[in-house]
Amino acid sequence: MYALASFLALVIASLGQINATSMSVIERVRELGVLDAVGMTRQQVDTMPIAILALIFAPLVTMLAARNPARRAADLPVIEAIRHEAAALGHSRR
């Protein structure tokens, strides 16, 4: 249930970001004209929205990549998690 709600929240947030980015580009026609006038190529202007979208989706990809390790860690018993942390820090059992 929570997974579905989380997924829907991510989809809705992503659509909102895409909409905001699209509207930003549409509203900046004048700025894009000025950039063209000062010598930016069409390719440079075209890549600007792509760069903005990459900055928006980078955190989403990071969250999705961190999901599996976080779930594995959450499934560990408390004692095992403490032992794992102690071993990673170089502490030995006495």
Protein backbone atom coordinates (compact mmCIF):
# COMPACT_ATOMS: atom_id res chain seq x y z
CA MET A 1 0.00 0.00 0.00
CA TYR A 2 2.77 2.42 0.98
CA ALA A 3 4.82 1.44 -2.05
CA LEU A 4 1.92 2.30 -4.36
CA ALA A 5 1.35 5.63 -2.63
CA SER A 6 5.08 6.42 -2.83
CA PHE A 7 5.19 5.51 -6.51
CA LEU A 8 2.15 7.67 -7.27
CA ALA A 9 3.67 10.57 -5.35
CA LEU A 10 6.87 10.28 -7.40
CA VAL A 11 4.95 10.12 -10.67
CA ILE A 12 2.82 13.14 -9.77
CA ALA A 13 5.87 15.10 -8.61
CA SER A 14 7.72 14.21 -11.81
CA LEU A 15 4.82 15.35 -13.96
CA GLY A 16 4.68 18.58 -11.99
CA GLN A 17 8.38 19.17 -12.58
CA ILE A 18 8.05 18.44 -16.29
CA ASN A 19 5.11 20.84 -16.50
CA ALA A 20 7.01 23.55 -14.64
CA THR A 21 10.03 23.14 -16.89
CA SER A 22 7.92 23.21 -20.05
CA MET A 23 6.08 26.33 -18.91
CA SER A 24 9.39 27.96 -18.01
CA VAL A 25 10.68 27.42 -21.53
CA ILE A 26 7.44 28.67 -23.09
CA GLU A 27 7.46 31.79 -20.91
CA ARG A 28 11.08 32.55 -21.76
CA VAL A 29 10.69 33.02 -25.47
CA ARG A 30 12.07 36.55 -25.19
CA GLU A 31 15.14 35.37 -23.27
CA LEU A 32 15.74 32.65 -25.83
CA GLY A 33 15.56 35.30 -28.55
CA VAL A 34 18.18 37.38 -26.72
CA LEU A 35 20.43 34.32 -26.35
CA ASP A 36 20.10 33.76 -30.09
CA ALA A 37 20.96 37.41 -30.73
CA VAL A 38 24.16 37.23 -28.64
CA GLY A 39 25.41 34.20 -30.52
CA MET A 40 24.19 31.02 -28.86
CA THR A 41 23.68 28.27 -31.36
CA ARG A 42 20.38 26.47 -31.71
CA GLN A 43 21.97 23.31 -30.32
CA GLN A 44 23.07 25.16 -27.16
CA VAL A 45 19.60 26.61 -26.68
CA ASP A 46 18.00 23.19 -27.26
CA THR A 47 20.18 21.52 -24.63
CA MET A 48 19.25 23.99 -21.88
CA PRO A 49 15.87 22.34 -21.03
CA ILE A 50 17.51 18.91 -21.19
CA ALA A 51 20.11 20.02 -18.66
CA ILE A 52 17.37 21.36 -16.40
CA LEU A 53 15.46 18.06 -16.62
CA ALA A 54 18.65 16.14 -15.83
CA LEU A 55 19.06 18.21 -12.68
CA ILE A 56 15.46 17.48 -11.73
CA PHE A 57 15.62 13.73 -12.33
CA ALA A 58 19.05 13.12 -10.76
CA PRO A 59 17.60 13.04 -7.21
CA LEU A 60 14.84 10.69 -8.39
CA VAL A 61 17.36 8.25 -9.84
CA THR A 62 19.41 8.48 -6.64
CA MET A 63 16.38 7.66 -4.50
CA LEU A 64 15.52 4.67 -6.65
CA ALA A 65 19.11 3.40 -6.57
CA ALA A 66 19.23 3.68 -2.77
CA ARG A 67 15.97 1.80 -2.27
CA ASN A 68 17.32 -1.78 -2.36
CA PRO A 69 20.27 -1.28 0.01
CA ALA A 70 17.97 0.57 2.41
CA ARG A 71 15.46 -2.26 2.36
CA ARG A 72 18.18 -4.85 3.00
CA ALA A 73 19.46 -2.80 5.91
CA ALA A 74 15.97 -2.40 7.33
CA ASP A 75 15.42 -6.16 7.18
CA LEU A 76 18.55 -6.92 9.23
CA PRO A 77 18.07 -7.79 12.89
CA VAL A 78 19.35 -5.06 15.19
CA ILE A 79 22.25 -7.14 16.53
CA GLU A 80 23.42 -8.02 13.00
CA ALA A 81 23.30 -4.36 11.99
CA ILE A 82 25.42 -3.40 15.00
CA ARG A 83 27.91 -6.20 14.27
CA HIS A 84 28.11 -5.14 10.63
CA GLU A 85 28.76 -1.51 11.64
CA ALA A 86 31.40 -2.55 14.19
CA ALA A 87 33.15 -4.70 11.60
CA ALA A 88 33.10 -1.85 9.08
CA LEU A 89 34.71 0.46 11.65
CA GLY A 90 37.39 -2.11 12.43
CA HIS A 91 36.27 -2.94 15.98
CA SER A 92 36.80 -6.50 17.04
CA ARG A 93 34.69 -8.63 19.37
CA ARG A 94 36.00 -9.10 22.86
